[in-house]
Amino acid sequence: MRVSTVTGPGETSIVEVPTPTAGPNDVLLKMRACGICGSDAFYISIGGIPPRQGETHLGHEPAGEVVDVGSNVVGIPVGAHVVVNPMAAPSGIIGSGGATGALADYLLIEDAVLGTSLAIVPDHIPFEVAALNEPMAVARHAVNQTKPKPGDNVVIFGAGPIGLGAAIAYKSLGVASVVVVDILPTRIAKALAVGADGVINSAQEDVSARLIELQGSVPDRRGHAKPATDIFLDAAGAPAVIATALAAAKHGATVGIVAVHKKPVEVDFGAILGQELTIVTAMGYPSEIFEVTADIIANWEKYQLIISDRFSFDDVQAALTTASTPGAADKVMVVFN
């Protein structure tokens, strides 16, 4: 079979490897779709992840069809459409330094357990939408970390895949208002399409003033108007986002950070001391990998809008290049025949 592999710093190739066979405790998947993550570009840039530098198989956002089931596996029939927990693989994280990658014709799920290794999705869910499960679990974990309550007002900075996934999640959890902030008109339009109650173009509008218009205001301790926003979520990773959120946050608000900041961000804690903010960070998905699956099934048409580009596996190199080019795409999906 074919698998997309990092073969050196800045280099990837399609390599031929033996097609795996399912042992008594395993399940073999025919890959049907796999998303490309920003981390894939990082793995490529450094030549792979130790100890598999030069032979790191790519792909950790998979959806596939079960084609073989080990004799000891329970509840997973041949033909089932499934999403995968890449963290559960005993031979290392799938597509992130483990022995296997999902940008391949087939993927072996070792020691397969329904609800731990993989989950079944209905056949009517497009495979490329199901393959959003892994990144949307990241978004759901960020949402969970901010502990939203019904009636909360939320603002999300960044309308990339994680920000849009968070917007859908917050709406599913019943918050009162979700506003999304970005600078790209196409992303702003997509935020409205997935269900945001309002949007702000921060290149053209004052974020705090516009939040007051959209979500109302409350006085701070000196009587100045602050947005009545309960949760600020940074899914953009720009230093200006942190400064804007901390300056706008009312007393007792929560500021969540899921974006990767590549440089240190200076914070004046003296200036925000009296606001008594809760600041939380979110990384990965400790328990959300299959929690989010039900929401994707229920709202798959909205989640489908997150996908910006689709490539066949034959064109996987173009897919990787597009995904790693700033501004070229949002969520790139590789689909298999």
C-alpha atoms as a PDB file:
ATOM      1  CA  MET A   1       0.000   0.000   0.000  1.00  0.00           C
ATOM      2  CA  ARG A   2       0.952   3.668  -0.274  1.00  0.00           C
ATOM      3  CA  VAL A   3       1.634   5.988   2.664  1.00  0.00           C
ATOM      4  CA  SER A   4       2.647   9.668   2.754  1.00  0.00           C
ATOM      5  CA  THR A   5       5.921   9.866   4.661  1.00  0.00           C
ATOM      6  CA  VAL A   6       8.381  12.530   5.787  1.00  0.00           C
ATOM      7  CA  THR A   7      11.662  11.429   4.221  1.00  0.00           C
ATOM      8  CA  GLY A   8      13.874  14.351   5.249  1.00  0.00           C
ATOM      9  CA  PRO A   9      13.742  18.001   6.339  1.00  0.00           C
ATOM     10  CA  GLY A  10      11.189  19.672   4.085  1.00  0.00           C
ATOM     11  CA  GLU A  11      10.678  16.471   2.093  1.00  0.00           C
ATOM     12  CA  THR A  12       7.758  14.068   1.758  1.00  0.00           C
ATOM     13  CA  SER A  13       7.236  11.086  -0.514  1.00  0.00           C
ATOM     14  CA  ILE A  14       4.653   8.447  -1.223  1.00  0.00           C
ATOM     15  CA  VAL A  15       6.322   5.214  -0.182  1.00  0.00           C
ATOM     16  CA  GLU A  16       5.223   1.625  -0.641  1.00  0.00           C
ATOM     17  CA  VAL A  17       4.920  -0.510   2.487  1.00  0.00           C
ATOM     18  CA  PRO A  18       3.293  -3.897   3.097  1.00  0.00           C
ATOM     19  CA  THR A  19      -0.453  -3.749   3.595  1.00  0.00           C
ATOM     20  CA  PRO A  20      -1.073  -4.662   7.251  1.00  0.00           C
ATOM     21  CA  THR A  21      -3.256  -7.547   8.300  1.00  0.00           C
ATOM     22  CA  ALA A  22      -5.575  -7.541  11.278  1.00  0.00           C
ATOM     23  CA  GLY A  23      -4.581  -9.736  14.197  1.00  0.00           C
ATOM     24  CA  PRO A  24      -7.143 -11.190  16.629  1.00  0.00           C
ATOM     25  CA  ASN A  25      -7.466  -7.883  18.519  1.00  0.00           C
ATOM     26  CA  ASP A  26      -7.175  -5.505  15.558  1.00  0.00           C
ATOM     27  CA  VAL A  27      -9.287  -3.791  12.928  1.00  0.00           C
ATOM     28  CA  LEU A  28      -8.125  -2.862   9.427  1.00  0.00           C
ATOM     29  CA  LEU A  29      -9.540   0.276   7.829  1.00  0.00           C
ATOM     30  CA  LYS A  30      -9.679   1.328   4.212  1.00  0.00           C
ATOM     31  CA  MET A  31      -8.977   5.038   4.438  1.00  0.00           C
ATOM     32  CA  ARG A  32     -11.709   7.253   3.020  1.00  0.00           C
ATOM     33  CA  ALA A  33     -10.708  10.734   4.197  1.00  0.00           C
ATOM     34  CA  CYS A  34      -7.967  12.373   6.238  1.00  0.00           C
ATOM     35  CA  GLY A  35      -7.545  16.002   7.210  1.00  0.00           C
ATOM     36  CA  ILE A  36      -4.239  17.856   7.155  1.00  0.00           C
ATOM     37  CA  CYS A  37      -3.195  19.657  10.329  1.00  0.00           C
ATOM     38  CA  GLY A  38      -0.777  22.521  10.828  1.00  0.00           C
ATOM     39  CA  SER A  39       1.371  20.152  12.847  1.00  0.00           C
ATOM     40  CA  ASP A  40       1.960  18.096   9.687  1.00  0.00           C
ATOM     41  CA  ALA A  41       3.828  21.050   8.188  1.00  0.00           C
ATOM     42  CA  PHE A  42       5.952  21.235  11.340  1.00  0.00           C
ATOM     43  CA  TYR A  43       6.794  17.533  11.193  1.00  0.00           C
ATOM     44  CA  ILE A  44       7.812  17.969   7.557  1.00  0.00           C
ATOM     45  CA  SER A  45       9.968  21.003   8.299  1.00  0.00           C
ATOM     46  CA  ILE A  46      12.050  19.167  10.925  1.00  0.00           C
ATOM     47  CA  GLY A  47      12.366  15.966   8.921  1.00  0.00           C
ATOM     48  CA  GLY A  48      10.045  13.878  11.073  1.00  0.00           C
ATOM     49  CA  ILE A  49       9.658  13.033  14.729  1.00  0.00           C
ATOM     50  CA  PRO A  50      12.284  11.074  16.695  1.00  0.00           C
ATOM     51  CA  PRO A  51      12.841   8.175  16.756  1.00  0.00           C
ATOM     52  CA  ARG A  52      11.372   7.994  13.238  1.00  0.00           C
ATOM     53  CA  GLN A  53      13.138  10.933  11.650  1.00  0.00           C
ATOM     54  CA  GLY A  54      13.228  10.353   7.927  1.00  0.00           C
ATOM     55  CA  GLU A  55      10.335   7.895   8.060  1.00  0.00           C
ATOM     56  CA  THR A  56       7.494   9.616   9.915  1.00  0.00           C
ATOM     57  CA  HIS A  57       4.167   8.553   8.409  1.00  0.00           C
ATOM     58  CA  LEU A  58       1.682  11.432   8.193  1.00  0.00           C
ATOM     59  CA  GLY A  59      -2.033  11.779   8.914  1.00  0.00           C
ATOM     60  CA  HIS A  60      -3.822  11.896  12.259  1.00  0.00           C
ATOM     61  CA  GLU A  61      -7.331  13.098  11.277  1.00  0.00           C
ATOM     62  CA  PRO A  62      -8.817   9.914   9.772  1.00  0.00           C
ATOM     63  CA  ALA A  63     -12.148   8.482   8.776  1.00  0.00           C
ATOM     64  CA  GLY A  64     -12.392   5.086   7.153  1.00  0.00           C
ATOM     65  CA  GLU A  65     -14.342   1.937   6.428  1.00  0.00           C
ATOM     66  CA  VAL A  66     -13.778  -1.316   8.292  1.00  0.00           C
ATOM     67  CA  VAL A  67     -12.567  -4.041   5.902  1.00  0.00           C
ATOM     68  CA  ASP A  68     -11.265  -6.676   8.334  1.00  0.00           C
ATOM     69  CA  VAL A  69     -12.007  -7.441  11.975  1.00  0.00           C
ATOM     70  CA  GLY A  70     -10.013  -9.632  14.367  1.00  0.00           C
ATOM     71  CA  SER A  71     -11.739 -12.574  16.002  1.00  0.00           C
ATOM     72  CA  ASN A  72     -11.596 -11.023  19.496  1.00  0.00           C
ATOM     73  CA  VAL A  73     -12.984  -7.616  18.530  1.00  0.00           C
ATOM     74  CA  VAL A  74     -16.517  -6.863  19.715  1.00  0.00           C
ATOM     75  CA  GLY A  75     -19.119  -4.474  18.275  1.00  0.00           C
ATOM     76  CA  ILE A  76     -17.258  -3.349  15.149  1.00  0.00           C
ATOM     77  CA  PRO A  77     -18.641  -4.957  11.992  1.00  0.00           C
ATOM     78  CA  VAL A  78     -17.040  -5.103   8.561  1.00  0.00           C
ATOM     79  CA  GLY A  79     -18.386  -2.220   6.489  1.00  0.00           C
ATOM     80  CA  ALA A  80     -18.804   0.177   9.417  1.00  0.00           C
ATOM     81  CA  HIS A  81     -17.831   3.800   8.862  1.00  0.00           C
ATOM     82  CA  VAL A  82     -15.588   4.939  11.700  1.00  0.00           C
ATOM     83  CA  VAL A  83     -13.552   7.780  13.153  1.00  0.00           C
ATOM     84  CA  VAL A  84     -10.363   7.111  15.072  1.00  0.00           C
ATOM     85  CA  ASN A  85      -8.650   8.174  18.282  1.00  0.00           C
ATOM     86  CA  PRO A  86      -5.039   8.559  17.113  1.00  0.00           C
ATOM     87  CA  MET A  87      -3.839   8.900  20.716  1.00  0.00           C
ATOM     88  CA  ALA A  88      -4.991   5.376  21.627  1.00  0.00           C
ATOM     89  CA  ALA A  89      -2.636   3.471  19.315  1.00  0.00           C
ATOM     90  CA  PRO A  90      -0.285   1.259  21.373  1.00  0.00           C
ATOM     91  CA  SER A  91       2.554   1.749  18.866  1.00  0.00           C
ATOM     92  CA  GLY A  92       2.480   5.532  19.241  1.00  0.00           C
ATOM     93  CA  ILE A  93       0.239   8.383  18.128  1.00  0.00           C
ATOM     94  CA  ILE A  94      -1.047   7.749  14.615  1.00  0.00           C
ATOM     95  CA  GLY A  95       0.484  10.229  12.183  1.00  0.00           C
ATOM     96  CA  SER A  96       2.418  12.019  14.915  1.00  0.00           C
ATOM     97  CA  GLY A  97       5.499   9.909  15.471  1.00  0.00           C
ATOM     98  CA  GLY A  98       3.838   6.535  15.892  1.00  0.00           C
ATOM     99  CA  ALA A  99       4.401   3.538  13.670  1.00  0.00           C
ATOM    100  CA  THR A 100       1.416   4.281  11.429  1.00  0.00           C
ATOM    101  CA  GLY A 101      -0.137   7.207   9.573  1.00  0.00           C
ATOM    102  CA  ALA A 102      -3.599   7.776   8.165  1.00  0.00           C
ATOM    103  CA  LEU A 103      -2.505   9.417   4.900  1.00  0.00           C
ATOM    104  CA  ALA A 104      -2.340   5.914   3.521  1.00  0.00           C
ATOM    105  CA  ASP A 105      -4.463   3.415   1.624  1.00  0.00           C
ATOM    106  CA  TYR A 106      -5.057   1.364   4.779  1.00  0.00           C
ATOM    107  CA  LEU A 107      -4.722   1.929   8.515  1.00  0.00           C
ATOM    108  CA  LEU A 108      -4.366  -0.784  11.147  1.00  0.00           C
ATOM    109  CA  ILE A 109      -6.115  -0.080  14.440  1.00  0.00           C
ATOM    110  CA  GLU A 110      -4.275  -2.200  16.997  1.00  0.00           C
ATOM    111  CA  ASP A 111      -6.076  -3.499  20.093  1.00  0.00           C
ATOM    112  CA  ALA A 112      -9.302  -2.014  18.754  1.00  0.00           C
ATOM    113  CA  VAL A 113     -11.976  -1.211  21.331  1.00  0.00           C
ATOM    114  CA  LEU A 114     -15.210   0.505  20.376  1.00  0.00           C
ATOM    115  CA  GLY A 115     -15.456   3.835  22.191  1.00  0.00           C
ATOM    116  CA  THR A 116     -11.738   3.911  22.966  1.00  0.00           C
ATOM    117  CA  SER A 117      -9.928   3.311  19.678  1.00  0.00           C
ATOM    118  CA  LEU A 118     -12.700   4.250  17.300  1.00  0.00           C
ATOM    119  CA  ALA A 119     -16.355   5.192  17.038  1.00  0.00           C
ATOM    120  CA  ILE A 120     -18.957   4.293  14.435  1.00  0.00           C
ATOM    121  CA  VAL A 121     -20.669   7.057  12.456  1.00  0.00           C
ATOM    122  CA  PRO A 122     -23.832   6.711  10.351  1.00  0.00           C
ATOM    123  CA  ASP A 123     -23.338   5.954   6.682  1.00  0.00           C
ATOM    124  CA  HIS A 124     -25.018   9.214   5.597  1.00  0.00           C
ATOM    125  CA  ILE A 125     -22.238  11.339   7.125  1.00  0.00           C
ATOM    126  CA  PRO A 126     -19.713  12.157   4.370  1.00  0.00           C
ATOM    127  CA  PHE A 127     -16.317  10.685   5.166  1.00  0.00           C
ATOM    128  CA  GLU A 128     -14.581  14.058   4.836  1.00  0.00           C
ATOM    129  CA  VAL A 129     -16.954  15.519   7.431  1.00  0.00           C
ATOM    130  CA  ALA A 130     -16.410  12.567   9.746  1.00  0.00           C
ATOM    131  CA  ALA A 131     -12.653  13.160   9.407  1.00  0.00           C
ATOM    132  CA  LEU A 132     -13.130  16.504  11.154  1.00  0.00           C
ATOM    133  CA  ASN A 133     -13.654  14.535  14.365  1.00  0.00           C
ATOM    134  CA  GLU A 134     -10.075  14.882  15.628  1.00  0.00           C
ATOM    135  CA  PRO A 135      -9.632  18.657  15.147  1.00  0.00           C
ATOM    136  CA  MET A 136     -13.170  19.294  16.350  1.00  0.00           C
ATOM    137  CA  ALA A 137     -12.311  17.394  19.532  1.00  0.00           C
ATOM    138  CA  VAL A 138      -9.572  19.999  20.042  1.00  0.00           C
ATOM    139  CA  ALA A 139     -12.170  22.733  19.625  1.00  0.00           C
ATOM    140  CA  ARG A 140     -14.596  20.996  21.994  1.00  0.00           C
ATOM    141  CA  HIS A 141     -11.908  20.657  24.663  1.00  0.00           C
ATOM    142  CA  ALA A 142     -11.242  24.402  24.414  1.00  0.00           C
ATOM    143  CA  VAL A 143     -14.958  25.065  24.829  1.00  0.00           C
ATOM    144  CA  ASN A 144     -15.165  22.708  27.803  1.00  0.00           C
ATOM    145  CA  GLN A 145     -12.203  24.381  29.469  1.00  0.00           C
ATOM    146  CA  THR A 146     -14.069  27.713  29.471  1.00  0.00           C
ATOM    147  CA  LYS A 147     -17.073  26.089  31.228  1.00  0.00           C
ATOM    148  CA  PRO A 148     -19.877  27.815  29.296  1.00  0.00           C
ATOM    149  CA  LYS A 149     -23.315  28.162  30.836  1.00  0.00           C
ATOM    150  CA  PRO A 150     -26.669  28.697  29.160  1.00  0.00           C
ATOM    151  CA  GLY A 151     -27.117  32.412  28.695  1.00  0.00           C
ATOM    152  CA  ASP A 152     -23.407  33.233  28.433  1.00  0.00           C
ATOM    153  CA  ASN A 153     -22.099  35.701  25.874  1.00  0.00           C
ATOM    154  CA  VAL A 154     -19.048  34.381  23.996  1.00  0.00           C
ATOM    155  CA  VAL A 155     -16.538  35.935  21.614  1.00  0.00           C
ATOM    156  CA  ILE A 156     -14.123  33.823  19.554  1.00  0.00           C
ATOM    157  CA  PHE A 157     -11.046  35.347  17.977  1.00  0.00           C
ATOM    158  CA  GLY A 158     -10.132  33.511  14.768  1.00  0.00           C
ATOM    159  CA  ALA A 159     -12.473  31.891  12.251  1.00  0.00           C
ATOM    160  CA  GLY A 160     -10.169  29.076  11.219  1.00  0.00           C
ATOM    161  CA  PRO A 161     -11.226  25.444  11.683  1.00  0.00           C
ATOM    162  CA  ILE A 162     -10.815  25.467  15.482  1.00  0.00           C
ATOM    163  CA  GLY A 163     -12.607  28.777  15.915  1.00  0.00           C
ATOM    164  CA  LEU A 164     -15.497  27.699  13.704  1.00  0.00           C
ATOM    165  CA  GLY A 165     -15.715  24.345  15.472  1.00  0.00           C
ATOM    166  CA  ALA A 166     -15.828  26.160  18.796  1.00  0.00           C
ATOM    167  CA  ALA A 167     -18.612  28.425  17.507  1.00  0.00           C
ATOM    168  CA  ILE A 168     -20.739  25.401  16.580  1.00  0.00           C
ATOM    169  CA  ALA A 169     -19.991  23.780  19.934  1.00  0.00           C
ATOM    170  CA  TYR A 170     -20.915  26.838  21.981  1.00  0.00           C
ATOM    171  CA  LYS A 171     -24.200  27.148  20.092  1.00  0.00           C
ATOM    172  CA  SER A 172     -24.916  23.447  20.666  1.00  0.00           C
ATOM    173  CA  LEU A 173     -24.389  23.994  24.394  1.00  0.00           C
ATOM    174  CA  GLY A 174     -26.994  26.748  24.511  1.00  0.00           C
ATOM    175  CA  VAL A 175     -25.059  29.954  25.140  1.00  0.00           C
ATOM    176  CA  ALA A 176     -26.947  33.176  24.466  1.00  0.00           C
ATOM    177  CA  SER A 177     -24.634  34.758  21.906  1.00  0.00           C
ATOM    178  CA  VAL A 178     -21.548  33.805  19.919  1.00  0.00           C
ATOM    179  CA  VAL A 179     -19.573  36.522  18.147  1.00  0.00           C
ATOM    180  CA  VAL A 180     -16.599  35.661  15.930  1.00  0.00           C
ATOM    181  CA  VAL A 181     -13.730  38.052  15.207  1.00  0.00           C
ATOM    182  CA  ASP A 182     -11.467  37.819  12.152  1.00  0.00           C
ATOM    183  CA  ILE A 183      -9.928  40.026   9.477  1.00  0.00           C
ATOM    184  CA  LEU A 184     -10.693  37.948   6.372  1.00  0.00           C
ATOM    185  CA  PRO A 185     -14.132  38.540   4.784  1.00  0.00           C
ATOM    186  CA  THR A 186     -14.365  34.930   3.597  1.00  0.00           C
ATOM    187  CA  ARG A 187     -13.825  33.604   7.110  1.00  0.00           C
ATOM    188  CA  ILE A 188     -16.252  36.120   8.566  1.00  0.00           C
ATOM    189  CA  ALA A 189     -18.910  34.972   6.100  1.00  0.00           C
ATOM    190  CA  LYS A 190     -18.233  31.349   7.019  1.00  0.00           C
ATOM    191  CA  ALA A 191     -18.654  32.157  10.727  1.00  0.00           C
ATOM    192  CA  LEU A 192     -22.140  33.470  10.033  1.00  0.00           C
ATOM    193  CA  ALA A 193     -22.906  30.420   7.909  1.00  0.00           C
ATOM    194  CA  VAL A 194     -22.079  28.009  10.745  1.00  0.00           C
ATOM    195  CA  GLY A 195     -24.358  29.879  13.126  1.00  0.00           C
ATOM    196  CA  ALA A 196     -22.501  32.768  14.776  1.00  0.00           C
ATOM    197  CA  ASP A 197     -24.871  35.455  16.049  1.00  0.00           C
ATOM    198  CA  GLY A 198     -22.537  38.257  15.039  1.00  0.00           C
ATOM    199  CA  VAL A 199     -19.153  38.944  13.518  1.00  0.00           C
ATOM    200  CA  ILE A 200     -16.499  41.612  13.836  1.00  0.00           C
ATOM    201  CA  ASN A 201     -13.823  42.559  11.321  1.00  0.00           C
ATOM    202  CA  SER A 202     -11.076  43.668  13.698  1.00  0.00           C
ATOM    203  CA  ALA A 203      -9.179  45.352  10.847  1.00  0.00           C
ATOM    204  CA  GLN A 204     -12.066  47.751  10.386  1.00  0.00           C
ATOM    205  CA  GLU A 205     -13.946  47.891  13.703  1.00  0.00           C
ATOM    206  CA  ASP A 206     -13.196  48.541  17.365  1.00  0.00           C
ATOM    207  CA  VAL A 207     -13.719  45.135  18.935  1.00  0.00           C
ATOM    208  CA  SER A 208     -14.760  46.311  22.387  1.00  0.00           C
ATOM    209  CA  ALA A 209     -17.211  48.905  21.085  1.00  0.00           C
ATOM    210  CA  ARG A 210     -18.717  46.455  18.633  1.00  0.00           C
ATOM    211  CA  LEU A 211     -19.060  43.796  21.353  1.00  0.00           C
ATOM    212  CA  ILE A 212     -21.044  46.288  23.431  1.00  0.00           C
ATOM    213  CA  GLU A 213     -23.364  46.802  20.456  1.00  0.00           C
ATOM    214  CA  LEU A 214     -23.799  43.066  19.964  1.00  0.00           C
ATOM    215  CA  GLN A 215     -23.796  41.717  23.540  1.00  0.00           C
ATOM    216  CA  GLY A 216     -24.577  44.706  25.733  1.00  0.00           C
ATOM    217  CA  SER A 217     -22.488  46.361  28.436  1.00  0.00           C
ATOM    218  CA  VAL A 218     -21.829  46.327  32.157  1.00  0.00           C
ATOM    219  CA  PRO A 219     -20.005  48.950  34.226  1.00  0.00           C
ATOM    220  CA  ASP A 220     -16.578  48.241  35.591  1.00  0.00           C
ATOM    221  CA  ARG A 221     -15.566  49.291  39.098  1.00  0.00           C
ATOM    222  CA  ARG A 222     -14.909  52.815  37.897  1.00  0.00           C
ATOM    223  CA  GLY A 223     -18.201  53.066  36.061  1.00  0.00           C
ATOM    224  CA  HIS A 224     -16.756  52.624  32.564  1.00  0.00           C
ATOM    225  CA  ALA A 225     -18.713  50.466  30.108  1.00  0.00           C
ATOM    226  CA  LYS A 226     -17.327  47.017  29.408  1.00  0.00           C
ATOM    227  CA  PRO A 227     -18.759  44.420  27.031  1.00  0.00           C
ATOM    228  CA  ALA A 228     -21.137  42.016  28.787  1.00  0.00           C
ATOM    229  CA  THR A 229     -19.065  39.172  27.355  1.00  0.00           C
ATOM    230  CA  ASP A 230     -18.555  36.216  29.664  1.00  0.00           C
ATOM    231  CA  ILE A 231     -16.049  34.160  27.650  1.00  0.00           C
ATOM    232  CA  PHE A 232     -13.206  35.254  25.358  1.00  0.00           C
ATOM    233  CA  LEU A 233     -11.613  32.422  23.338  1.00  0.00           C
ATOM    234  CA  ASP A 234      -8.347  32.941  21.476  1.00  0.00           C
ATOM    235  CA  ALA A 235      -8.266  30.645  18.453  1.00  0.00           C
ATOM    236  CA  ALA A 236      -6.076  33.010  16.427  1.00  0.00           C
ATOM    237  CA  GLY A 237      -2.697  33.094  18.158  1.00  0.00           C
ATOM    238  CA  ALA A 238      -1.914  36.767  17.544  1.00  0.00           C
ATOM    239  CA  PRO A 239      -0.493  38.849  20.424  1.00  0.00           C
ATOM    240  CA  ALA A 240      -3.047  41.584  19.684  1.00  0.00           C
ATOM    241  CA  VAL A 241      -5.834  39.145  20.539  1.00  0.00           C
ATOM    242  CA  ILE A 242      -4.601  38.707  24.099  1.00  0.00           C
ATOM    243  CA  ALA A 243      -4.224  42.461  24.572  1.00  0.00           C
ATOM    244  CA  THR A 244      -7.696  43.116  23.151  1.00  0.00           C
ATOM    245  CA  ALA A 245      -9.384  40.397  25.212  1.00  0.00           C
ATOM    246  CA  LEU A 246      -7.758  41.382  28.505  1.00  0.00           C
ATOM    247  CA  ALA A 247      -8.571  45.059  27.981  1.00  0.00           C
ATOM    248  CA  ALA A 248     -12.202  44.329  27.113  1.00  0.00           C
ATOM    249  CA  ALA A 249     -12.907  41.642  29.720  1.00  0.00           C
ATOM    250  CA  LYS A 250     -15.366  42.512  32.458  1.00  0.00           C
ATOM    251  CA  HIS A 251     -14.944  41.518  36.092  1.00  0.00           C
ATOM    252  CA  GLY A 252     -15.065  37.748  36.463  1.00  0.00           C
ATOM    253  CA  ALA A 253     -14.855  36.926  32.751  1.00  0.00           C
ATOM    254  CA  THR A 254     -13.041  33.855  31.422  1.00  0.00           C
ATOM    255  CA  VAL A 255     -10.264  34.065  28.847  1.00  0.00           C
ATOM    256  CA  GLY A 256      -9.451  30.799  27.084  1.00  0.00           C
ATOM    257  CA  ILE A 257      -6.429  30.151  24.875  1.00  0.00           C
ATOM    258  CA  VAL A 258      -6.399  27.273  22.399  1.00  0.00           C
ATOM    259  CA  ALA A 259      -4.250  28.912  19.712  1.00  0.00           C
ATOM    260  CA  VAL A 260      -0.540  28.194  19.513  1.00  0.00           C
ATOM    261  CA  HIS A 261       1.479  31.355  20.219  1.00  0.00           C
ATOM    262  CA  LYS A 262       4.856  31.026  18.560  1.00  0.00           C
ATOM    263  CA  LYS A 263       6.386  33.907  20.522  1.00  0.00           C
ATOM    264  CA  PRO A 264       6.015  35.015  24.160  1.00  0.00           C
ATOM    265  CA  VAL A 265       3.159  37.432  24.817  1.00  0.00           C
ATOM    266  CA  GLU A 266       3.613  40.214  27.365  1.00  0.00           C
ATOM    267  CA  VAL A 267       0.763  40.588  29.860  1.00  0.00           C
ATOM    268  CA  ASP A 268       0.398  43.473  32.314  1.00  0.00           C
ATOM    269  CA  PHE A 269      -1.101  41.631  35.268  1.00  0.00           C
ATOM    270  CA  GLY A 270      -1.177  44.826  37.309  1.00  0.00           C
ATOM    271  CA  ALA A 271      -3.610  46.353  34.847  1.00  0.00           C
ATOM    272  CA  ILE A 272      -6.009  43.394  35.018  1.00  0.00           C
ATOM    273  CA  LEU A 273      -5.655  42.512  38.700  1.00  0.00           C
ATOM    274  CA  GLY A 274      -8.980  44.027  39.688  1.00  0.00           C
ATOM    275  CA  GLN A 275     -10.857  42.189  36.956  1.00  0.00           C
ATOM    276  CA  GLU A 276     -10.337  38.848  38.710  1.00  0.00           C
ATOM    277  CA  LEU A 277     -10.305  36.962  35.445  1.00  0.00           C
ATOM    278  CA  THR A 278     -10.131  33.224  34.954  1.00  0.00           C
ATOM    279  CA  ILE A 279      -7.460  32.404  32.377  1.00  0.00           C
ATOM    280  CA  VAL A 280      -7.424  28.852  31.019  1.00  0.00           C
ATOM    281  CA  THR A 281      -5.512  27.064  28.288  1.00  0.00           C
ATOM    282  CA  ALA A 282      -6.533  24.075  26.195  1.00  0.00           C
ATOM    283  CA  MET A 283      -4.449  21.533  24.316  1.00  0.00           C
ATOM    284  CA  GLY A 284      -5.535  18.296  22.711  1.00  0.00           C
ATOM    285  CA  TYR A 285      -8.605  16.378  23.826  1.00  0.00           C
ATOM    286  CA  PRO A 286      -8.230  14.458  27.095  1.00  0.00           C
ATOM    287  CA  SER A 287     -11.796  13.141  26.919  1.00  0.00           C
ATOM    288  CA  GLU A 288     -13.449  14.851  23.961  1.00  0.00           C
ATOM    289  CA  ILE A 289     -12.377  12.695  21.009  1.00  0.00           C
ATOM    290  CA  PHE A 290     -15.710  10.893  20.806  1.00  0.00           C
ATOM    291  CA  GLU A 291     -17.748  13.399  22.821  1.00  0.00           C
ATOM    292  CA  VAL A 292     -17.694  15.648  19.759  1.00  0.00           C
ATOM    293  CA  THR A 293     -18.759  12.852  17.396  1.00  0.00           C
ATOM    294  CA  ALA A 294     -22.441  13.127  18.324  1.00  0.00           C
ATOM    295  CA  ASP A 295     -22.407  16.854  17.620  1.00  0.00           C
ATOM    296  CA  ILE A 296     -20.795  16.318  14.217  1.00  0.00           C
ATOM    297  CA  ILE A 297     -23.487  13.759  13.389  1.00  0.00           C
ATOM    298  CA  ALA A 298     -26.248  16.138  14.498  1.00  0.00           C
ATOM    299  CA  ASN A 299     -24.831  19.209  12.743  1.00  0.00           C
ATOM    300  CA  TRP A 300     -22.800  17.743   9.906  1.00  0.00           C
ATOM    301  CA  GLU A 301     -24.017  20.277   7.333  1.00  0.00           C
ATOM    302  CA  LYS A 302     -22.551  23.100   9.432  1.00  0.00           C
ATOM    303  CA  TYR A 303     -19.314  21.242  10.094  1.00  0.00           C
ATOM    304  CA  GLN A 304     -19.008  20.551   6.368  1.00  0.00           C
ATOM    305  CA  LEU A 305     -18.600  24.293   5.778  1.00  0.00           C
ATOM    306  CA  ILE A 306     -15.272  24.203   7.656  1.00  0.00           C
ATOM    307  CA  ILE A 307     -13.669  22.245   4.804  1.00  0.00           C
ATOM    308  CA  SER A 308     -12.151  24.640   2.280  1.00  0.00           C
ATOM    309  CA  ASP A 309     -10.262  22.290  -0.072  1.00  0.00           C
ATOM    310  CA  ARG A 310     -10.453  18.661  -1.129  1.00  0.00           C
ATOM    311  CA  PHE A 311      -7.660  16.705  -2.831  1.00  0.00           C
ATOM    312  CA  SER A 312      -7.449  13.090  -3.921  1.00  0.00           C
ATOM    313  CA  PHE A 313      -4.757  10.949  -2.335  1.00  0.00           C
ATOM    314  CA  ASP A 314      -3.012  10.922  -5.709  1.00  0.00           C
ATOM    315  CA  ASP A 315      -2.516  14.675  -5.207  1.00  0.00           C
ATOM    316  CA  VAL A 316      -1.508  14.483  -1.550  1.00  0.00           C
ATOM    317  CA  GLN A 317       1.669  16.497  -2.113  1.00  0.00           C
ATOM    318  CA  ALA A 318      -0.380  19.388  -3.483  1.00  0.00           C
ATOM    319  CA  ALA A 319      -2.683  19.051  -0.496  1.00  0.00           C
ATOM    320  CA  LEU A 320       0.248  19.279   1.932  1.00  0.00           C
ATOM    321  CA  THR A 321       1.653  22.290   0.105  1.00  0.00           C
ATOM    322  CA  THR A 322      -1.691  24.076   0.082  1.00  0.00           C
ATOM    323  CA  ALA A 323      -2.272  23.407   3.761  1.00  0.00           C
ATOM    324  CA  SER A 324       1.165  24.759   4.708  1.00  0.00           C
ATOM    325  CA  THR A 325       0.888  27.955   2.625  1.00  0.00           C
ATOM    326  CA  PRO A 326      -0.313  30.849   4.815  1.00  0.00           C
ATOM    327  CA  GLY A 327      -3.655  32.167   3.652  1.00  0.00           C
ATOM    328  CA  ALA A 328      -4.087  29.546   0.927  1.00  0.00           C
ATOM    329  CA  ALA A 329      -6.724  27.432   2.659  1.00  0.00           C
ATOM    330  CA  ASP A 330      -8.510  26.681   5.902  1.00  0.00           C
ATOM    331  CA  LYS A 331      -9.183  22.962   6.402  1.00  0.00           C
ATOM    332  CA  VAL A 332      -7.661  20.795   3.675  1.00  0.00           C
ATOM    333  CA  MET A 333      -9.081  17.318   3.312  1.00  0.00           C
ATOM    334  CA  VAL A 334      -7.605  14.364   1.419  1.00  0.00           C
ATOM    335  CA  VAL A 335     -10.178  11.934   0.059  1.00  0.00           C
ATOM    336  CA  PHE A 336      -9.632   8.368  -1.141  1.00  0.00           C
ATOM    337  CA  ASN A 337     -11.365   6.375  -3.849  1.00  0.00           C
END
